[in-house]
Amino acid sequence: MSNDLYNRFFVFSQQQMDLRISIEKKTGKNPKFGTVIVNGTPKVYTDIVASMNQVRFADSIIVTSGDIRKIKYTQPS
């Protein structure tokens, strides 16, 4: 089985974060973003993609990448 099947990119986009905050504030919610552990430090991410061709925002940067089964992360809520 290919490891590419499980390879994921955790990306952060300030544009995506700002958009989600503005949308959820209008509904009275307080957005919570996901975190991923990078070298023992939690980092915020805005999306998980299988390929960088799938990012939706031009300012997206890679927070970390690898086998999703081995990466410790929390889902956004």
PDB file of N, CA and C in Angstrom:
ATOM      1  N   MET A   1       0.838  -1.180   0.000  1.00  0.00           N
ATOM      2  CA  MET A   1       0.000   0.000   0.000  1.00  0.00           C
ATOM      3  C   MET A   1       0.887   1.249   0.000  1.00  0.00           C
ATOM      4  N   SER A   2       0.546   2.203  -0.797  1.00  0.00           N
ATOM      5  CA  SER A   2       1.337   3.416  -0.942  1.00  0.00           C
ATOM      6  C   SER A   2       1.140   4.355   0.252  1.00  0.00           C
ATOM      7  N   ASN A   3       2.234   4.962   0.702  1.00  0.00           N
ATOM      8  CA  ASN A   3       2.143   5.934   1.793  1.00  0.00           C
ATOM      9  C   ASN A   3       1.511   7.239   1.330  1.00  0.00           C
ATOM     10  N   ASP A   4       1.462   7.487   0.017  1.00  0.00           N
ATOM     11  CA  ASP A   4       0.849   8.707  -0.497  1.00  0.00           C
ATOM     12  C   ASP A   4      -0.626   8.783  -0.138  1.00  0.00           C
ATOM     13  N   LEU A   5      -1.239   7.647   0.063  1.00  0.00           N
ATOM     14  CA  LEU A   5      -2.645   7.600   0.443  1.00  0.00           C
ATOM     15  C   LEU A   5      -2.871   8.303   1.782  1.00  0.00           C
ATOM     16  N   TYR A   6      -1.895   8.263   2.671  1.00  0.00           N
ATOM     17  CA  TYR A   6      -2.020   8.839   4.009  1.00  0.00           C
ATOM     18  C   TYR A   6      -1.260  10.153   4.174  1.00  0.00           C
ATOM     19  N   ASN A   7      -0.554  10.607   3.153  1.00  0.00           N
ATOM     20  CA  ASN A   7       0.221  11.836   3.256  1.00  0.00           C
ATOM     21  C   ASN A   7      -0.705  13.047   3.207  1.00  0.00           C
ATOM     22  N   ARG A   8      -0.579  13.927   4.184  1.00  0.00           N
ATOM     23  CA  ARG A   8      -1.410  15.129   4.247  1.00  0.00           C
ATOM     24  C   ARG A   8      -0.548  16.342   4.547  1.00  0.00           C
ATOM     25  N   PHE A   9      -1.041  17.488   4.125  1.00  0.00           N
ATOM     26  CA  PHE A   9      -0.415  18.772   4.398  1.00  0.00           C
ATOM     27  C   PHE A   9      -1.346  19.557   5.320  1.00  0.00           C
ATOM     28  N   PHE A  10      -0.818  20.013   6.426  1.00  0.00           N
ATOM     29  CA  PHE A  10      -1.553  20.895   7.325  1.00  0.00           C
ATOM     30  C   PHE A  10      -1.127  22.305   6.934  1.00  0.00           C
ATOM     31  N   VAL A  11      -2.073  23.113   6.494  1.00  0.00           N
ATOM     32  CA  VAL A  11      -1.741  24.444   5.987  1.00  0.00           C
ATOM     33  C   VAL A  11      -2.425  25.531   6.814  1.00  0.00           C
ATOM     34  N   PHE A  12      -1.814  26.706   6.794  1.00  0.00           N
ATOM     35  CA  PHE A  12      -2.370  27.882   7.462  1.00  0.00           C
ATOM     36  C   PHE A  12      -2.535  28.980   6.433  1.00  0.00           C
ATOM     37  N   SER A  13      -3.704  29.624   6.438  1.00  0.00           N
ATOM     38  CA  SER A  13      -3.981  30.753   5.568  1.00  0.00           C
ATOM     39  C   SER A  13      -4.640  31.852   6.398  1.00  0.00           C
ATOM     40  N   GLN A  14      -4.021  33.016   6.430  1.00  0.00           N
ATOM     41  CA  GLN A  14      -4.594  34.144   7.168  1.00  0.00           C
ATOM     42  C   GLN A  14      -5.912  34.581   6.535  1.00  0.00           C
ATOM     43  N   GLN A  15      -5.997  34.534   5.203  1.00  0.00           N
ATOM     44  CA  GLN A  15      -7.239  34.895   4.510  1.00  0.00           C
ATOM     45  C   GLN A  15      -8.377  33.956   4.917  1.00  0.00           C
ATOM     46  N   GLN A  16      -8.097  32.669   4.971  1.00  0.00           N
ATOM     47  CA  GLN A  16      -9.110  31.694   5.352  1.00  0.00           C
ATOM     48  C   GLN A  16      -9.536  31.900   6.797  1.00  0.00           C
ATOM     49  N   MET A  17      -8.564  32.185   7.667  1.00  0.00           N
ATOM     50  CA  MET A  17      -8.869  32.421   9.075  1.00  0.00           C
ATOM     51  C   MET A  17      -9.755  33.653   9.227  1.00  0.00           C
ATOM     52  N   ASP A  18      -9.400  34.746   8.567  1.00  0.00           N
ATOM     53  CA  ASP A  18     -10.181  35.983   8.660  1.00  0.00           C
ATOM     54  C   ASP A  18     -11.597  35.784   8.121  1.00  0.00           C
ATOM     55  N   LEU A  19     -11.732  35.063   7.008  1.00  0.00           N
ATOM     56  CA  LEU A  19     -13.036  34.801   6.422  1.00  0.00           C
ATOM     57  C   LEU A  19     -13.904  33.985   7.379  1.00  0.00           C
ATOM     58  N   ARG A  20     -13.322  32.951   7.953  1.00  0.00           N
ATOM     59  CA  ARG A  20     -14.089  32.101   8.876  1.00  0.00           C
ATOM     60  C   ARG A  20     -14.500  32.874  10.130  1.00  0.00           C
ATOM     61  N   ILE A  21     -13.606  33.711  10.641  1.00  0.00           N
ATOM     62  CA  ILE A  21     -13.931  34.524  11.819  1.00  0.00           C
ATOM     63  C   ILE A  21     -15.094  35.464  11.490  1.00  0.00           C
ATOM     64  N   SER A  22     -15.022  36.144  10.351  1.00  0.00           N
ATOM     65  CA  SER A  22     -16.089  37.101  10.007  1.00  0.00           C
ATOM     66  C   SER A  22     -17.425  36.396   9.796  1.00  0.00           C
ATOM     67  N   ILE A  23     -17.422  35.214   9.198  1.00  0.00           N
ATOM     68  CA  ILE A  23     -18.671  34.467   8.974  1.00  0.00           C
ATOM     69  C   ILE A  23     -19.255  33.989  10.296  1.00  0.00           C
ATOM     70  N   GLU A  24     -18.421  33.415  11.149  1.00  0.00           N
ATOM     71  CA  GLU A  24     -18.933  32.852  12.401  1.00  0.00           C
ATOM     72  C   GLU A  24     -19.309  33.928  13.416  1.00  0.00           C
ATOM     73  N   LYS A  25     -18.675  35.083  13.367  1.00  0.00           N
ATOM     74  CA  LYS A  25     -19.055  36.180  14.269  1.00  0.00           C
ATOM     75  C   LYS A  25     -20.462  36.666  13.946  1.00  0.00           C
ATOM     76  N   LYS A  26     -20.838  36.631  12.660  1.00  0.00           N
ATOM     77  CA  LYS A  26     -22.184  37.061  12.260  1.00  0.00           C
ATOM     78  C   LYS A  26     -23.257  36.134  12.818  1.00  0.00           C
ATOM     79  N   THR A  27     -22.900  34.878  13.034  1.00  0.00           N
ATOM     80  CA  THR A  27     -23.858  33.917  13.572  1.00  0.00           C
ATOM     81  C   THR A  27     -23.767  33.820  15.094  1.00  0.00           C
ATOM     82  N   GLY A  28     -22.889  34.611  15.698  1.00  0.00           N
ATOM     83  CA  GLY A  28     -22.772  34.622  17.144  1.00  0.00           C
ATOM     84  C   GLY A  28     -21.866  33.535  17.698  1.00  0.00           C
ATOM     85  N   LYS A  29     -21.153  32.851  16.823  1.00  0.00           N
ATOM     86  CA  LYS A  29     -20.249  31.793  17.271  1.00  0.00           C
ATOM     87  C   LYS A  29     -18.826  32.321  17.380  1.00  0.00           C
ATOM     88  N   ASN A  30     -18.026  31.633  18.168  1.00  0.00           N
ATOM     89  CA  ASN A  30     -16.617  31.969  18.290  1.00  0.00           C
ATOM     90  C   ASN A  30     -15.831  30.815  17.661  1.00  0.00           C
ATOM     91  N   PRO A  31     -15.180  31.049  16.520  1.00  0.00           N
ATOM     92  CA  PRO A  31     -14.528  29.947  15.819  1.00  0.00           C
ATOM     93  C   PRO A  31     -13.346  29.372  16.590  1.00  0.00           C
ATOM     94  N   LYS A  32     -13.189  28.058  16.515  1.00  0.00           N
ATOM     95  CA  LYS A  32     -12.045  27.372  17.108  1.00  0.00           C
ATOM     96  C   LYS A  32     -11.324  26.654  15.987  1.00  0.00           C
ATOM     97  N   PHE A  33     -10.050  26.925  15.872  1.00  0.00           N
ATOM     98  CA  PHE A  33      -9.249  26.353  14.802  1.00  0.00           C
ATOM     99  C   PHE A  33      -8.510  25.126  15.310  1.00  0.00           C
ATOM    100  N   GLY A  34      -8.134  24.269  14.381  1.00  0.00           N
ATOM    101  CA  GLY A  34      -7.406  23.060  14.731  1.00  0.00           C
ATOM    102  C   GLY A  34      -5.959  23.366  15.079  1.00  0.00           C
ATOM    103  N   THR A  35      -5.351  22.461  15.821  1.00  0.00           N
ATOM    104  CA  THR A  35      -3.928  22.582  16.137  1.00  0.00           C
ATOM    105  C   THR A  35      -3.228  21.285  15.773  1.00  0.00           C
ATOM    106  N   VAL A  36      -1.967  21.426  15.414  1.00  0.00           N
ATOM    107  CA  VAL A  36      -1.134  20.284  15.087  1.00  0.00           C
ATOM    108  C   VAL A  36       0.173  20.435  15.861  1.00  0.00           C
ATOM    109  N   ILE A  37       0.695  19.333  16.365  1.00  0.00           N
ATOM    110  CA  ILE A  37       1.930  19.382  17.146  1.00  0.00           C
ATOM    111  C   ILE A  37       3.126  19.330  16.197  1.00  0.00           C
ATOM    112  N   VAL A  38       3.972  20.370  16.261  1.00  0.00           N
ATOM    113  CA  VAL A  38       5.177  20.456  15.441  1.00  0.00           C
ATOM    114  C   VAL A  38       6.362  20.640  16.382  1.00  0.00           C
ATOM    115  N   ASN A  39       7.225  19.644  16.454  1.00  0.00           N
ATOM    116  CA  ASN A  39       8.389  19.673  17.350  1.00  0.00           C
ATOM    117  C   ASN A  39       7.986  19.984  18.790  1.00  0.00           C
ATOM    118  N   GLY A  40       6.888  19.415  19.243  1.00  0.00           N
ATOM    119  CA  GLY A  40       6.427  19.580  20.609  1.00  0.00           C
ATOM    120  C   GLY A  40       5.622  20.827  20.870  1.00  0.00           C
ATOM    121  N   THR A  41       5.422  21.654  19.859  1.00  0.00           N
ATOM    122  CA  THR A  41       4.694  22.910  20.007  1.00  0.00           C
ATOM    123  C   THR A  41       3.401  22.877  19.191  1.00  0.00           C
ATOM    124  N   PRO A  42       2.262  23.209  19.820  1.00  0.00           N
ATOM    125  CA  PRO A  42       1.016  23.258  19.048  1.00  0.00           C
ATOM    126  C   PRO A  42       1.003  24.463  18.095  1.00  0.00           C
ATOM    127  N   LYS A  43       0.648  24.210  16.856  1.00  0.00           N
ATOM    128  CA  LYS A  43       0.546  25.257  15.837  1.00  0.00           C
ATOM    129  C   LYS A  43      -0.861  25.230  15.259  1.00  0.00           C
ATOM    130  N   VAL A  44      -1.402  26.394  14.955  1.00  0.00           N
ATOM    131  CA  VAL A  44      -2.748  26.511  14.391  1.00  0.00           C
ATOM    132  C   VAL A  44      -2.683  26.200  12.896  1.00  0.00           C
ATOM    133  N   TYR A  45      -3.683  25.467  12.415  1.00  0.00           N
ATOM    134  CA  TYR A  45      -3.824  25.244  10.977  1.00  0.00           C
ATOM    135  C   TYR A  45      -5.258  25.546  10.580  1.00  0.00           C
ATOM    136  N   THR A  46      -5.461  25.861   9.308  1.00  0.00           N
ATOM    137  CA  THR A  46      -6.808  26.187   8.838  1.00  0.00           C
ATOM    138  C   THR A  46      -7.379  25.136   7.898  1.00  0.00           C
ATOM    139  N   ASP A  47      -6.529  24.241   7.367  1.00  0.00           N
ATOM    140  CA  ASP A  47      -7.028  23.227   6.438  1.00  0.00           C
ATOM    141  C   ASP A  47      -6.054  22.054   6.369  1.00  0.00           C
ATOM    142  N   ILE A  48      -6.578  20.897   6.011  1.00  0.00           N
ATOM    143  CA  ILE A  48      -5.775  19.697   5.766  1.00  0.00           C
ATOM    144  C   ILE A  48      -6.058  19.286   4.327  1.00  0.00           C
ATOM    145  N   VAL A  49      -4.993  19.150   3.526  1.00  0.00           N
ATOM    146  CA  VAL A  49      -5.163  18.776   2.120  1.00  0.00           C
ATOM    147  C   VAL A  49      -4.227  17.629   1.768  1.00  0.00           C
ATOM    148  N   ALA A  50      -4.603  16.861   0.763  1.00  0.00           N
ATOM    149  CA  ALA A  50      -3.778  15.741   0.311  1.00  0.00           C
ATOM    150  C   ALA A  50      -2.687  16.210  -0.644  1.00  0.00           C
ATOM    151  N   SER A  51      -2.898  17.350  -1.288  1.00  0.00           N
ATOM    152  CA  SER A  51      -1.932  17.895  -2.238  1.00  0.00           C
ATOM    153  C   SER A  51      -1.987  19.413  -2.155  1.00  0.00           C
ATOM    154  N   MET A  52      -0.862  20.061  -2.359  1.00  0.00           N
ATOM    155  CA  MET A  52      -0.854  21.517  -2.330  1.00  0.00           C
ATOM    156  C   MET A  52      -1.637  22.110  -3.502  1.00  0.00           C
ATOM    157  N   ASN A  53      -1.967  21.304  -4.481  1.00  0.00           N
ATOM    158  CA  ASN A  53      -2.817  21.766  -5.578  1.00  0.00           C
ATOM    159  C   ASN A  53      -4.251  21.983  -5.109  1.00  0.00           C
ATOM    160  N   GLN A  54      -4.599  21.470  -3.937  1.00  0.00           N
ATOM    161  CA  GLN A  54      -5.962  21.571  -3.417  1.00  0.00           C
ATOM    162  C   GLN A  54      -6.187  22.777  -2.511  1.00  0.00           C
ATOM    163  N   VAL A  55      -5.153  23.581  -2.228  1.00  0.00           N
ATOM    164  CA  VAL A  55      -5.352  24.732  -1.348  1.00  0.00           C
ATOM    165  C   VAL A  55      -6.283  25.724  -2.013  1.00  0.00           C
ATOM    166  N   ARG A  56      -7.112  26.371  -1.199  1.00  0.00           N
ATOM    167  CA  ARG A  56      -8.123  27.283  -1.730  1.00  0.00           C
ATOM    168  C   ARG A  56      -7.733  28.745  -1.615  1.00  0.00           C
ATOM    169  N   PHE A  57      -6.679  29.036  -0.858  1.00  0.00           N
ATOM    170  CA  PHE A  57      -6.270  30.420  -0.642  1.00  0.00           C
ATOM    171  C   PHE A  57      -4.803  30.584  -1.035  1.00  0.00           C
ATOM    172  N   ALA A  58      -4.505  31.664  -1.730  1.00  0.00           N
ATOM    173  CA  ALA A  58      -3.167  31.883  -2.285  1.00  0.00           C
ATOM    174  C   ALA A  58      -2.091  32.071  -1.212  1.00  0.00           C
ATOM    175  N   ASP A  59      -2.474  32.521  -0.019  1.00  0.00           N
ATOM    176  CA  ASP A  59      -1.475  32.764   1.013  1.00  0.00           C
ATOM    177  C   ASP A  59      -1.215  31.539   1.904  1.00  0.00           C
ATOM    178  N   SER A  60      -1.716  30.374   1.518  1.00  0.00           N
ATOM    179  CA  SER A  60      -1.548  29.152   2.319  1.00  0.00           C
ATOM    180  C   SER A  60      -0.081  28.752   2.416  1.00  0.00           C
ATOM    181  N   ILE A  61       0.343  28.458   3.648  1.00  0.00           N
ATOM    182  CA  ILE A  61       1.700  27.962   3.884  1.00  0.00           C
ATOM    183  C   ILE A  61       1.609  26.623   4.610  1.00  0.00           C
ATOM    184  N   ILE A  62       2.600  25.783   4.404  1.00  0.00           N
ATOM    185  CA  ILE A  62       2.615  24.468   5.036  1.00  0.00           C
ATOM    186  C   ILE A  62       3.080  24.613   6.479  1.00  0.00           C
ATOM    187  N   VAL A  63       2.262  24.139   7.415  1.00  0.00           N
ATOM    188  CA  VAL A  63       2.643  24.109   8.829  1.00  0.00           C
ATOM    189  C   VAL A  63       3.461  22.847   9.080  1.00  0.00           C
ATOM    190  N   THR A  64       2.957  21.718   8.605  1.00  0.00           N
ATOM    191  CA  THR A  64       3.667  20.447   8.658  1.00  0.00           C
ATOM    192  C   THR A  64       3.022  19.498   7.663  1.00  0.00           C
ATOM    193  N   SER A  65       3.718  18.419   7.379  1.00  0.00           N
ATOM    194  CA  SER A  65       3.152  17.411   6.485  1.00  0.00           C
ATOM    195  C   SER A  65       3.692  16.050   6.875  1.00  0.00           C
ATOM    196  N   GLY A  66       2.998  15.025   6.440  1.00  0.00           N
ATOM    197  CA  GLY A  66       3.435  13.668   6.716  1.00  0.00           C
ATOM    198  C   GLY A  66       2.266  12.701   6.787  1.00  0.00           C
ATOM    199  N   ASP A  67       2.542  11.535   7.336  1.00  0.00           N
ATOM    200  CA  ASP A  67       1.550  10.476   7.475  1.00  0.00           C
ATOM    201  C   ASP A  67       0.525  10.895   8.525  1.00  0.00           C
ATOM    202  N   ILE A  68      -0.711  11.057   8.108  1.00  0.00           N
ATOM    203  CA  ILE A  68      -1.761  11.556   9.002  1.00  0.00           C
ATOM    204  C   ILE A  68      -2.009  10.613  10.181  1.00  0.00           C
ATOM    205  N   ARG A  69      -1.650   9.356  10.023  1.00  0.00           N
ATOM    206  CA  ARG A  69      -1.830   8.391  11.115  1.00  0.00           C
ATOM    207  C   ARG A  69      -0.810   8.604  12.225  1.00  0.00           C
ATOM    208  N   LYS A  70       0.278   9.303  11.941  1.00  0.00           N
ATOM    209  CA  LYS A  70       1.345   9.496  12.923  1.00  0.00           C
ATOM    210  C   LYS A  70       1.404  10.925  13.473  1.00  0.00           C
ATOM    211  N   ILE A  71       0.630  11.827  12.914  1.00  0.00           N
ATOM    212  CA  ILE A  71       0.651  13.231  13.335  1.00  0.00           C
ATOM    213  C   ILE A  71      -0.418  13.443  14.392  1.00  0.00           C
ATOM    214  N   LYS A  72      -0.053  14.138  15.475  1.00  0.00           N
ATOM    215  CA  LYS A  72      -1.009  14.443  16.543  1.00  0.00           C
ATOM    216  C   LYS A  72      -1.632  15.818  16.229  1.00  0.00           C
ATOM    217  N   TYR A  73      -2.963  15.824  16.145  1.00  0.00           N
ATOM    218  CA  TYR A  73      -3.666  17.061  15.828  1.00  0.00           C
ATOM    219  C   TYR A  73      -5.055  17.040  16.421  1.00  0.00           C
ATOM    220  N   THR A  74      -5.646  18.235  16.529  1.00  0.00           N
ATOM    221  CA  THR A  74      -7.041  18.360  16.950  1.00  0.00           C
ATOM    222  C   THR A  74      -7.818  18.964  15.798  1.00  0.00           C
ATOM    223  N   GLN A  75      -9.036  18.504  15.632  1.00  0.00           N
ATOM    224  CA  GLN A  75      -9.901  19.021  14.570  1.00  0.00           C
ATOM    225  C   GLN A  75     -10.474  20.368  14.986  1.00  0.00           C
ATOM    226  N   PRO A  76     -10.710  21.254  14.009  1.00  0.00           N
ATOM    227  CA  PRO A  76     -11.408  22.501  14.344  1.00  0.00           C
ATOM    228  C   PRO A  76     -12.847  22.201  14.726  1.00  0.00           C
ATOM    229  N   SER A  77     -13.423  23.068  15.541  1.00  0.00           N
ATOM    230  CA  SER A  77     -14.818  22.846  15.921  1.00  0.00           C
ATOM    231  C   SER A  77     -15.655  24.075  15.648  1.00  0.00           C
TER     232      SER A  77
END
